[in-house]
Amino acid sequence: MSVVLCDPDDTAALWLVQRLREAGDDCALVTSDLLSFARRRSQRIGRAGVSALVDVDGRIVIGHPDLLINRMSAPPMAAWRTAPPVERDYATAELTAFVLSWLDGLSCPVRNRPDPSCLAGPAPHPLRAGLLASAAGLACPDVRLQTDRGTRAGGQPLLEAALRQAGPGARLLHVVVLDGTLVDPEGVARQAGAPVPAGFAPGIQRLCASLGAAEALAGIDVVVTGEQWMFAGFTPLPDLPVAGGALVRALARVRESAAEREKVTA
């Protein structure tokens, strides 16, 4: 049994669950609001190890999943909007603590385990991501940030800088990366209309390792101009449908490899 944990409005997660089920996987979809109102959430840590049980609604009961895909970025604040602030704060802290401990204690492959920057995995500041991408050997744009009041808050400074630097004719790609490996490189090349540069895949692997995403499902924005592929952003919440069936097959291999290792150690 595989589990996809996500926010209530995560359409990419819905797509993944459907595709996994079509491939024969008994996949359960658990949104953050369902988890927050689960019939039972328990975890026991003792000499024999860690055991956990999540009874979502009497039909979905999670004990020892084969694979868990975590796309839950935050507790579901909307689910508690009518509660007093002190109760909302308590519920938020309680659910966050459980998710952190639960996902850390699972013995199955978890993509992604929570990170200090985000419950859904590594979510570095754009400038940190750019610095590490450059150190990993990826082409990166020159970024200027201003501190005056006229500077727009938020935004995507790496992506905006890459598009400005690339100029007319640049193509924006969003690629999916699993465990530091580009998913469906042939499909990515077709979307780009150009071969994947020789140093791009190794650079992505080094970047993921430096971000703590060596065992993670991530998305990377790339601006393509001619033979140059410029790094333009990193997210722990990739647009999964762009990877298509290749992602489903890659996740199946992760699950099967874990099952084989468990047989060897049993």
Protein backbone atom coordinates (compact mmCIF):
# COMPACT_ATOMS: atom_id res chain seq x y z
CA MET A 1 0.00 0.00 0.00
CA SER A 2 1.27 3.44 -0.96
CA VAL A 3 0.14 6.68 0.67
CA VAL A 4 0.04 10.18 -0.77
CA LEU A 5 -0.15 12.85 1.95
CA CYS A 6 -1.03 16.29 0.64
CA ASP A 7 -2.83 19.59 1.06
CA PRO A 8 -6.59 19.62 0.28
CA ASP A 9 -6.19 21.54 -3.00
CA ASP A 10 -3.24 19.57 -4.41
CA THR A 11 -4.36 18.55 -7.91
CA ALA A 12 -0.94 17.10 -8.76
CA ALA A 13 -1.32 14.68 -5.85
CA LEU A 14 -4.76 13.65 -7.13
CA TRP A 15 -3.22 12.95 -10.53
CA LEU A 16 -0.50 10.81 -8.95
CA VAL A 17 -2.96 8.77 -6.89
CA GLN A 18 -5.05 8.05 -9.97
CA ARG A 19 -2.03 6.99 -12.02
CA LEU A 20 -0.67 4.77 -9.23
CA ARG A 21 -4.04 3.06 -8.90
CA GLU A 22 -4.22 2.53 -12.65
CA ALA A 23 -0.81 0.85 -12.38
CA GLY A 24 -2.19 -1.60 -9.80
CA ASP A 25 -1.00 0.13 -6.64
CA ASP A 26 -3.41 0.13 -3.69
CA CYS A 27 -2.79 3.83 -3.11
CA ALA A 28 -4.46 5.88 -0.37
CA LEU A 29 -4.99 9.63 -0.61
CA VAL A 30 -4.77 11.41 2.75
CA THR A 31 -5.23 15.17 2.81
CA SER A 32 -4.06 17.26 5.73
CA ASP A 33 -7.62 17.98 6.87
CA LEU A 34 -8.48 14.26 6.85
CA LEU A 35 -5.36 13.58 8.89
CA SER A 36 -6.24 16.32 11.37
CA PHE A 37 -9.66 14.75 12.02
CA ALA A 38 -8.50 11.11 11.87
CA ARG A 39 -10.25 8.65 14.16
CA ARG A 40 -6.92 7.62 15.61
CA ARG A 41 -3.30 8.75 15.37
CA SER A 42 -0.84 6.81 17.48
CA GLN A 43 2.88 6.17 17.60
CA ARG A 44 4.77 4.01 20.06
CA ILE A 45 8.53 4.09 20.52
CA GLY A 46 10.09 1.32 22.57
CA ARG A 47 12.85 -1.26 22.75
CA ALA A 48 11.28 -3.19 19.88
CA GLY A 49 11.36 -0.14 17.65
CA VAL A 50 8.75 2.27 16.36
CA SER A 51 5.16 1.39 15.53
CA ALA A 52 2.46 3.73 14.29
CA LEU A 53 -1.17 3.53 13.27
CA VAL A 54 -3.32 6.12 11.55
CA ASP A 55 -7.01 5.30 11.22
CA VAL A 56 -8.23 8.03 8.90
CA ASP A 57 -11.90 7.21 8.61
CA GLY A 58 -12.38 3.49 9.29
CA ARG A 59 -11.70 2.65 5.65
CA ILE A 60 -8.18 4.03 5.26
CA VAL A 61 -5.97 2.53 7.97
CA ILE A 62 -2.23 3.12 7.67
CA GLY A 63 0.16 0.91 9.59
CA HIS A 64 3.14 -0.18 7.53
CA PRO A 65 2.92 1.44 4.08
CA ASP A 66 5.25 0.38 1.28
CA LEU A 67 5.83 3.98 0.15
CA LEU A 68 4.72 7.41 1.34
CA ILE A 69 4.76 10.53 -0.82
CA ASN A 70 4.60 13.61 1.41
CA ARG A 71 3.28 16.81 -0.19
CA MET A 72 1.72 18.26 2.98
CA SER A 73 3.21 21.73 3.16
CA ALA A 74 1.41 22.93 6.30
CA PRO A 75 -1.37 22.08 8.76
CA PRO A 76 -4.88 22.75 7.40
CA MET A 77 -5.64 26.12 9.00
CA ALA A 78 -8.93 26.41 7.10
CA ALA A 79 -10.22 23.28 8.83
CA TRP A 80 -9.96 25.03 12.20
CA ARG A 81 -10.99 28.54 11.17
CA THR A 82 -14.03 28.61 13.51
CA ALA A 83 -12.04 27.54 16.57
CA PRO A 84 -10.67 30.10 19.07
CA PRO A 85 -7.06 31.17 18.34
CA VAL A 86 -5.63 29.29 21.33
CA GLU A 87 -7.25 26.06 20.15
CA ARG A 88 -6.05 26.60 16.58
CA ASP A 89 -2.50 27.09 17.84
CA TYR A 90 -2.72 23.92 19.92
CA ALA A 91 -4.13 21.85 17.06
CA THR A 92 -1.46 23.17 14.70
CA ALA A 93 1.37 22.33 17.09
CA GLU A 94 -0.06 18.89 17.87
CA LEU A 95 -0.55 17.87 14.23
CA THR A 96 2.86 19.23 13.22
CA ALA A 97 4.57 17.30 16.01
CA PHE A 98 2.80 14.09 15.03
CA VAL A 99 3.62 14.43 11.33
CA LEU A 100 7.29 15.12 12.10
CA SER A 101 7.59 12.09 14.37
CA TRP A 102 5.43 9.79 12.24
CA LEU A 103 7.23 10.39 8.96
CA ASP A 104 10.64 10.24 10.62
CA GLY A 105 9.81 6.89 12.21
CA LEU A 106 8.47 5.11 9.12
CA SER A 107 10.78 2.38 7.82
CA CYS A 108 9.40 2.53 4.28
CA PRO A 109 10.68 4.97 1.64
CA VAL A 110 9.31 8.46 2.37
CA ARG A 111 9.46 11.10 -0.33
CA ASN A 112 9.71 13.73 1.17
CA ARG A 113 10.59 13.71 4.85
CA PRO A 114 9.91 17.04 6.59
CA ASP A 115 12.62 19.67 6.59
CA PRO A 116 13.07 22.66 8.94
CA SER A 117 12.09 24.90 6.02
CA CYS A 118 8.87 23.06 5.11
CA LEU A 119 6.81 20.04 6.17
CA ALA A 120 6.84 18.84 2.54
CA GLY A 121 10.65 18.70 2.33
CA PRO A 122 13.52 21.06 1.54
CA ALA A 123 12.26 24.48 0.44
CA PRO A 124 15.36 26.69 0.37
CA HIS A 125 15.30 30.45 -0.04
CA PRO A 126 15.75 31.22 -3.76
CA LEU A 127 19.12 32.88 -3.18
CA ARG A 128 20.43 29.90 -1.22
CA ALA A 129 19.16 27.55 -3.92
CA GLY A 130 20.90 29.66 -6.55
CA LEU A 131 24.20 29.72 -4.67
CA LEU A 132 24.16 25.96 -4.18
CA ALA A 133 23.13 25.39 -7.80
CA SER A 134 26.07 27.48 -8.97
CA ALA A 135 28.40 25.57 -6.65
CA ALA A 136 27.00 22.33 -8.13
CA GLY A 137 28.06 23.45 -11.61
CA LEU A 138 24.70 24.62 -12.95
CA ALA A 139 24.34 27.84 -14.91
CA CYS A 140 22.56 30.48 -12.82
CA PRO A 141 21.35 34.02 -13.53
CA ASP A 142 22.75 37.15 -11.92
CA VAL A 143 20.23 38.26 -9.29
CA ARG A 144 19.89 41.71 -7.75
CA LEU A 145 17.68 42.32 -4.75
CA GLN A 146 16.78 45.76 -3.47
CA THR A 147 15.75 46.70 0.05
CA ASP A 148 13.85 49.90 -0.73
CA ARG A 149 10.13 50.07 -0.15
CA GLY A 150 9.38 49.97 -3.84
CA THR A 151 10.73 46.45 -4.17
CA ARG A 152 7.97 43.95 -4.76
CA ALA A 153 7.59 41.42 -1.95
CA GLY A 154 7.65 37.72 -2.75
CA GLY A 155 7.94 36.74 -6.40
CA GLN A 156 10.45 34.35 -7.93
CA PRO A 157 13.70 36.32 -8.20
CA LEU A 158 15.71 33.50 -9.79
CA LEU A 159 13.10 32.79 -12.44
CA GLU A 160 12.53 36.46 -13.21
CA ALA A 161 16.27 37.10 -13.47
CA ALA A 162 16.80 34.04 -15.69
CA LEU A 163 14.06 35.09 -18.10
CA ARG A 164 15.42 38.64 -18.29
CA GLN A 165 18.96 37.41 -18.87
CA ALA A 166 17.90 34.82 -21.46
CA GLY A 167 15.95 37.31 -23.54
CA PRO A 168 13.40 36.61 -26.31
CA GLY A 169 13.02 33.04 -27.47
CA ALA A 170 13.85 31.48 -24.10
CA ARG A 171 11.86 28.42 -23.09
CA LEU A 172 10.76 27.70 -19.51
CA LEU A 173 10.83 24.08 -18.41
CA HIS A 174 9.71 22.47 -15.17
CA VAL A 175 11.47 19.16 -14.60
CA VAL A 176 10.77 16.52 -11.96
CA VAL A 177 13.65 15.02 -10.01
CA LEU A 178 13.47 11.84 -7.92
CA ASP A 179 16.34 11.06 -5.55
CA GLY A 180 18.62 13.43 -7.41
CA THR A 181 17.87 11.86 -10.80
CA LEU A 182 16.07 13.61 -13.64
CA VAL A 183 12.82 11.78 -14.40
CA ASP A 184 12.33 10.97 -18.10
CA PRO A 185 15.34 12.83 -19.56
CA GLU A 186 14.24 11.92 -23.09
CA GLY A 187 10.87 13.56 -22.51
CA VAL A 188 12.57 16.61 -21.02
CA ALA A 189 14.75 16.92 -24.12
CA ARG A 190 11.66 16.75 -26.33
CA GLN A 191 9.99 19.53 -24.34
CA ALA A 192 13.13 21.65 -24.55
CA GLY A 193 13.62 21.00 -28.23
CA ALA A 194 17.29 20.38 -27.47
CA PRO A 195 19.43 17.62 -25.91
CA VAL A 196 19.99 17.73 -22.16
CA PRO A 197 23.50 19.20 -21.65
CA ALA A 198 26.11 16.68 -20.50
CA GLY A 199 26.74 18.38 -17.17
CA PHE A 200 23.12 19.10 -16.30
CA ALA A 201 22.12 15.77 -14.71
CA PRO A 202 25.29 15.49 -12.55
CA GLY A 203 24.79 19.10 -11.47
CA ILE A 204 21.21 18.36 -10.42
CA GLN A 205 22.42 15.37 -8.40
CA ARG A 206 25.02 17.48 -6.59
CA LEU A 207 22.47 20.22 -5.94
CA CYS A 208 19.97 17.80 -4.42
CA ALA A 209 22.66 16.33 -2.19
CA SER A 210 23.65 19.78 -0.93
CA LEU A 211 20.01 20.68 -0.22
CA GLY A 212 19.30 17.49 1.73
CA ALA A 213 17.10 16.27 -1.11
CA ALA A 214 19.09 13.19 -2.13
CA GLU A 215 16.01 11.11 -1.24
CA ALA A 216 13.25 13.45 -2.31
CA LEU A 217 10.73 14.20 -5.03
CA ALA A 218 11.39 17.73 -6.22
CA GLY A 219 10.77 20.14 -9.06
CA ILE A 220 13.30 22.37 -10.77
CA ASP A 221 12.60 25.31 -13.07
CA VAL A 222 14.97 25.71 -16.00
CA VAL A 223 15.23 28.44 -18.63
CA VAL A 224 16.57 27.08 -21.92
CA THR A 225 18.29 29.24 -24.53
CA GLY A 226 20.16 27.35 -27.21
CA GLU A 227 22.59 24.99 -25.51
CA GLN A 228 22.41 26.76 -22.14
CA TRP A 229 20.12 25.41 -19.42
CA MET A 230 19.85 27.96 -16.62
CA PHE A 231 18.70 27.00 -13.12
CA ALA A 232 15.70 29.12 -12.11
CA GLY A 233 14.14 27.58 -9.01
CA PHE A 234 13.66 24.58 -6.69
CA THR A 235 10.49 23.30 -5.02
CA PRO A 236 9.54 20.27 -2.91
CA LEU A 237 6.11 20.37 -4.60
CA PRO A 238 6.79 19.55 -8.25
CA ASP A 239 4.16 19.62 -10.98
CA LEU A 240 3.99 15.82 -11.17
CA PRO A 241 1.94 15.39 -14.38
CA VAL A 242 4.79 16.81 -16.48
CA ALA A 243 6.75 13.62 -15.72
CA GLY A 244 3.89 11.36 -16.80
CA GLY A 245 4.16 7.59 -16.67
CA ALA A 246 7.93 7.73 -16.22
CA LEU A 247 7.41 9.05 -12.69
CA VAL A 248 4.95 6.28 -11.85
CA ARG A 249 7.45 3.68 -13.02
CA ALA A 250 10.29 5.34 -11.10
CA LEU A 251 8.26 5.32 -7.88
CA ALA A 252 7.42 1.66 -8.45
CA ARG A 253 11.14 0.91 -8.64
CA VAL A 254 11.71 2.74 -5.34
CA ARG A 255 8.99 0.65 -3.70
CA GLU A 256 10.26 -2.61 -5.19
CA SER A 257 13.87 -1.92 -4.20
CA ALA A 258 12.80 -1.28 -0.61
CA ALA A 259 10.81 -4.53 -0.58
CA GLU A 260 13.84 -6.48 -1.82
CA ARG A 261 16.07 -4.95 0.87
CA GLU A 262 13.52 -5.86 3.52
CA LYS A 263 13.52 -9.48 2.34
CA VAL A 264 17.31 -9.64 2.57
CA THR A 265 17.40 -8.25 6.11
CA ALA A 266 14.42 -10.28 7.37
